[in-house]
Amino acid sequence: MGGIPGAVIGAILGLIVGAVYLVGGSQLVNWANDFSSPIVQADLLAALYAATNADEGQTAFQVTVGDHFDVIPAGIINALWWTAWSNDLYSDTPVVDDSAFDGTICAPAGPPVVLSESCSDRINQIRESTYDSGDISFVGWTHARLGVAGSGGGTATFYADGVAKFVLNINSDGADNYWVGSATNVRVVVASSADCYVHLRVCTGTYA
């Protein structure tokens, strides 16, 4: 907190004290652990990278937190995110000396690595060349796996809550990928020149 004005520090400390009085310190620790989970951090990273200015970044942070937490913890977490930090993230001034960092912490190569999982099939059959699964409930699951194979070529696109998360190029040898995150529903859309095999699984797991 060294660089934050005293008035802001006072407000933050007041917020923390009030939260401890309201819900207890152990509950704050639980919320802090939930906030640090790989799923929440991955969704925050994607949202903040998609924003291009401080206002968008502030909104992206608050919306993502709201997607993962109830009203009270979301309000506390969003209040702790000082608005000036969004200005620092998306502004050229002040210039942060990042010469000691190689960028791998802020720009990971991909989603968290799945260490273990328990999955349930949602699609496991040959589907027509132009196929749309429609919305499939994803409530209670933490990642999804999609595999496709076919001789006709084309693509299979995986969506979560209407947003395309990845695209697989269909080939005879098969292709597969996974997405880690939270969503209300997921969807698979195939655009191919021939029927193809589609295997969609919804899973829970542990991640690194």
Protein backbone atom coordinates (compact mmCIF):
# COMPACT_ATOMS: atom_id res chain seq x y z
CA MET A 1 0.00 0.00 0.00
CA GLY A 2 3.03 2.28 0.03
CA GLY A 3 2.04 4.22 -3.07
CA ILE A 4 -1.63 4.68 -2.20
CA PRO A 5 -2.78 8.00 -0.69
CA GLY A 6 -3.54 7.91 3.04
CA ALA A 7 -7.22 8.62 2.52
CA VAL A 8 -7.51 5.59 0.27
CA ILE A 9 -5.57 3.42 2.73
CA GLY A 10 -7.96 4.55 5.47
CA ALA A 11 -10.95 3.61 3.35
CA ILE A 12 -9.48 0.19 2.53
CA LEU A 13 -8.65 -0.53 6.16
CA GLY A 14 -12.14 0.59 7.16
CA LEU A 15 -13.60 -1.76 4.56
CA ILE A 16 -11.54 -4.69 5.87
CA VAL A 17 -12.44 -3.98 9.49
CA GLY A 18 -16.12 -3.72 8.57
CA ALA A 19 -15.96 -6.97 6.61
CA VAL A 20 -14.34 -8.80 9.53
CA TYR A 21 -17.12 -7.49 11.80
CA LEU A 22 -19.77 -8.53 9.28
CA VAL A 23 -18.65 -12.04 8.25
CA GLY A 24 -15.60 -12.91 10.38
CA GLY A 25 -11.95 -13.21 9.49
CA SER A 26 -12.13 -16.89 8.51
CA GLN A 27 -14.70 -16.14 5.82
CA LEU A 28 -12.41 -13.44 4.39
CA VAL A 29 -9.64 -16.05 4.19
CA ASN A 30 -12.00 -18.39 2.31
CA TRP A 31 -12.86 -15.64 -0.17
CA ALA A 32 -9.18 -14.79 -0.61
CA ASN A 33 -8.42 -18.46 -1.36
CA ASP A 34 -11.31 -18.62 -3.85
CA PHE A 35 -10.02 -15.43 -5.52
CA SER A 36 -6.56 -17.03 -5.87
CA SER A 37 -7.88 -20.20 -7.54
CA PRO A 38 -6.53 -20.99 -11.05
CA ILE A 39 -10.00 -20.70 -12.60
CA VAL A 40 -10.71 -17.20 -11.24
CA GLN A 41 -7.19 -15.99 -12.05
CA ALA A 42 -7.36 -17.36 -15.60
CA ASP A 43 -10.70 -15.64 -16.22
CA LEU A 44 -9.38 -12.36 -14.76
CA LEU A 45 -6.25 -12.53 -16.87
CA ALA A 46 -8.27 -13.09 -20.06
CA ALA A 47 -10.68 -10.26 -19.21
CA LEU A 48 -7.92 -7.75 -18.36
CA TYR A 49 -5.93 -8.62 -21.49
CA ALA A 50 -9.04 -8.12 -23.63
CA ALA A 51 -9.51 -4.57 -22.31
CA THR A 52 -7.63 -1.72 -23.97
CA ASN A 53 -8.08 1.16 -21.54
CA ALA A 54 -8.56 1.86 -17.83
CA ASP A 55 -12.36 2.14 -17.96
CA GLU A 56 -12.70 -1.16 -19.84
CA GLY A 57 -10.20 -2.79 -17.47
CA GLN A 58 -12.06 -1.60 -14.39
CA THR A 59 -15.33 -2.93 -15.78
CA ALA A 60 -13.71 -6.21 -16.89
CA PHE A 61 -12.35 -6.78 -13.39
CA GLN A 62 -15.66 -6.06 -11.69
CA VAL A 63 -17.75 -8.13 -14.10
CA THR A 64 -15.42 -11.13 -13.81
CA VAL A 65 -15.42 -10.94 -10.02
CA GLY A 66 -19.22 -10.70 -10.10
CA ASP A 67 -19.35 -13.88 -12.21
CA HIS A 68 -17.48 -15.84 -9.54
CA PHE A 69 -18.70 -14.38 -6.23
CA ASP A 70 -21.93 -13.47 -4.48
CA VAL A 71 -22.83 -9.81 -3.93
CA ILE A 72 -21.05 -9.25 -0.59
CA PRO A 73 -17.63 -10.78 -1.45
CA ALA A 74 -17.78 -9.27 -4.95
CA GLY A 75 -18.39 -5.84 -3.44
CA ILE A 76 -15.46 -6.21 -1.04
CA ILE A 77 -13.04 -7.46 -3.71
CA ASN A 78 -14.08 -4.79 -6.22
CA ALA A 79 -13.69 -2.07 -3.59
CA LEU A 80 -10.16 -3.27 -2.84
CA TRP A 81 -9.25 -2.93 -6.52
CA TRP A 82 -8.14 0.71 -6.40
CA THR A 83 -9.16 2.52 -9.62
CA ALA A 84 -5.67 4.00 -10.08
CA TRP A 85 -4.33 0.50 -10.62
CA SER A 86 -6.44 0.24 -13.78
CA ASN A 87 -4.94 3.55 -14.94
CA ASP A 88 -1.44 2.18 -14.31
CA LEU A 89 -2.20 -1.05 -16.19
CA TYR A 90 -3.37 0.65 -19.38
CA SER A 91 -1.29 3.84 -19.38
CA ASP A 92 2.23 4.62 -20.57
CA THR A 93 2.77 6.72 -17.45
CA PRO A 94 4.14 5.93 -15.01
CA VAL A 95 6.54 3.67 -16.89
CA VAL A 96 7.15 0.53 -14.85
CA ASP A 97 10.68 -0.91 -14.91
CA ASP A 98 9.97 -4.50 -15.98
CA SER A 99 13.48 -5.32 -17.21
CA ALA A 100 13.84 -8.08 -14.60
CA PHE A 101 10.86 -10.01 -15.95
CA ASP A 102 10.66 -12.16 -19.08
CA GLY A 103 6.88 -11.85 -19.50
CA THR A 104 5.98 -15.46 -18.80
CA ILE A 105 4.18 -14.61 -15.53
CA CYS A 106 1.88 -12.04 -17.16
CA ALA A 107 1.43 -13.89 -20.45
CA PRO A 108 1.08 -17.64 -19.88
CA ALA A 109 1.15 -19.88 -22.93
CA GLY A 110 -2.31 -21.26 -22.28
CA PRO A 111 -4.92 -22.33 -19.75
CA PRO A 112 -4.06 -24.12 -16.50
CA VAL A 113 -2.76 -27.68 -16.99
CA VAL A 114 -5.23 -30.38 -15.98
CA LEU A 115 -3.65 -32.64 -13.34
CA SER A 116 -6.63 -34.89 -12.66
CA GLU A 117 -10.22 -35.01 -13.79
CA SER A 118 -13.59 -36.69 -13.57
CA CYS A 119 -15.69 -36.30 -16.73
CA SER A 120 -19.13 -37.04 -18.09
CA ASP A 121 -19.99 -37.42 -21.80
CA ARG A 122 -22.35 -34.91 -23.36
CA ILE A 123 -21.72 -35.76 -27.05
CA ASN A 124 -20.09 -39.03 -28.15
CA GLN A 125 -21.23 -39.93 -31.65
CA ILE A 126 -20.98 -39.19 -35.35
CA ARG A 127 -22.74 -35.94 -36.21
CA GLU A 128 -23.74 -34.35 -39.49
CA SER A 129 -21.35 -32.07 -41.40
CA THR A 130 -23.14 -28.90 -40.29
CA TYR A 131 -23.97 -29.48 -36.67
CA ASP A 132 -24.93 -27.20 -33.79
CA SER A 133 -25.30 -28.85 -30.40
CA GLY A 134 -27.25 -25.95 -28.93
CA ASP A 135 -26.62 -24.87 -25.34
CA ILE A 136 -25.53 -27.64 -22.98
CA SER A 137 -25.61 -26.96 -19.23
CA PHE A 138 -22.15 -26.47 -17.69
CA VAL A 139 -23.25 -25.65 -14.15
CA GLY A 140 -21.15 -27.51 -11.58
CA TRP A 141 -18.26 -28.32 -13.94
CA THR A 142 -14.81 -26.71 -14.11
CA HIS A 143 -13.49 -27.64 -17.55
CA ALA A 144 -14.58 -29.18 -20.83
CA ARG A 145 -12.83 -31.41 -23.39
CA LEU A 146 -13.72 -31.53 -27.08
CA GLY A 147 -12.40 -34.07 -29.58
CA VAL A 148 -13.31 -34.28 -33.28
CA ALA A 149 -12.28 -36.48 -36.19
CA GLY A 150 -13.40 -36.79 -39.79
CA SER A 151 -12.29 -37.15 -43.39
CA GLY A 152 -14.08 -34.09 -44.69
CA GLY A 153 -12.01 -31.35 -43.06
CA GLY A 154 -13.56 -28.18 -41.72
CA THR A 155 -13.72 -26.87 -38.17
CA ALA A 156 -15.41 -27.44 -34.82
CA THR A 157 -15.80 -24.38 -32.58
CA PHE A 158 -16.23 -24.60 -28.81
CA TYR A 159 -18.30 -21.85 -27.12
CA ALA A 160 -18.84 -20.99 -23.45
CA ASP A 161 -21.78 -18.66 -22.74
CA GLY A 162 -21.82 -17.70 -26.41
CA VAL A 163 -18.12 -16.76 -26.60
CA ALA A 164 -15.83 -18.82 -28.87
CA LYS A 165 -13.01 -20.25 -26.74
CA PHE A 166 -11.15 -22.35 -29.33
CA VAL A 167 -11.45 -23.84 -32.83
CA LEU A 168 -10.36 -27.36 -33.86
CA ASN A 169 -9.40 -28.21 -37.43
CA ILE A 170 -11.09 -31.51 -38.27
CA ASN A 171 -8.86 -34.24 -39.75
CA SER A 172 -8.78 -38.03 -40.04
CA ASP A 173 -6.30 -38.42 -37.18
CA GLY A 174 -8.50 -36.41 -34.82
CA ALA A 175 -7.93 -33.22 -32.85
CA ASP A 176 -8.74 -32.30 -29.28
CA ASN A 177 -8.44 -29.44 -26.81
CA TYR A 178 -9.77 -28.40 -23.41
CA TRP A 179 -11.04 -25.21 -21.78
CA VAL A 180 -10.85 -24.42 -18.07
CA GLY A 181 -13.34 -21.89 -16.73
CA SER A 182 -16.83 -21.26 -15.42
CA ALA A 183 -19.92 -20.86 -17.57
CA THR A 184 -23.66 -21.46 -17.51
CA ASN A 185 -23.63 -23.36 -20.78
CA VAL A 186 -21.31 -24.62 -23.51
CA ARG A 187 -21.88 -25.33 -27.19
CA VAL A 188 -20.23 -27.06 -30.18
CA VAL A 189 -20.69 -25.88 -33.77
CA VAL A 190 -19.31 -27.99 -36.64
CA ALA A 191 -18.74 -26.73 -40.19
CA SER A 192 -17.42 -29.62 -42.31
CA SER A 193 -17.76 -31.12 -45.77
CA ALA A 194 -18.61 -34.54 -44.35
CA ASP A 195 -20.07 -36.10 -41.22
CA CYS A 196 -17.59 -36.31 -38.34
CA TYR A 197 -17.15 -37.83 -34.89
CA VAL A 198 -17.69 -35.40 -32.00
CA HIS A 199 -16.77 -36.14 -28.37
CA LEU A 200 -17.63 -33.47 -25.79
CA ARG A 201 -17.01 -34.11 -22.09
CA VAL A 202 -17.72 -31.84 -19.09
CA CYS A 203 -15.38 -32.37 -16.16
CA THR A 204 -14.19 -31.38 -12.72
CA GLY A 205 -10.50 -31.53 -11.93
CA THR A 206 -7.36 -30.20 -10.30
CA TYR A 207 -5.04 -27.78 -12.06
CA ALA A 208 -1.51 -26.37 -12.06
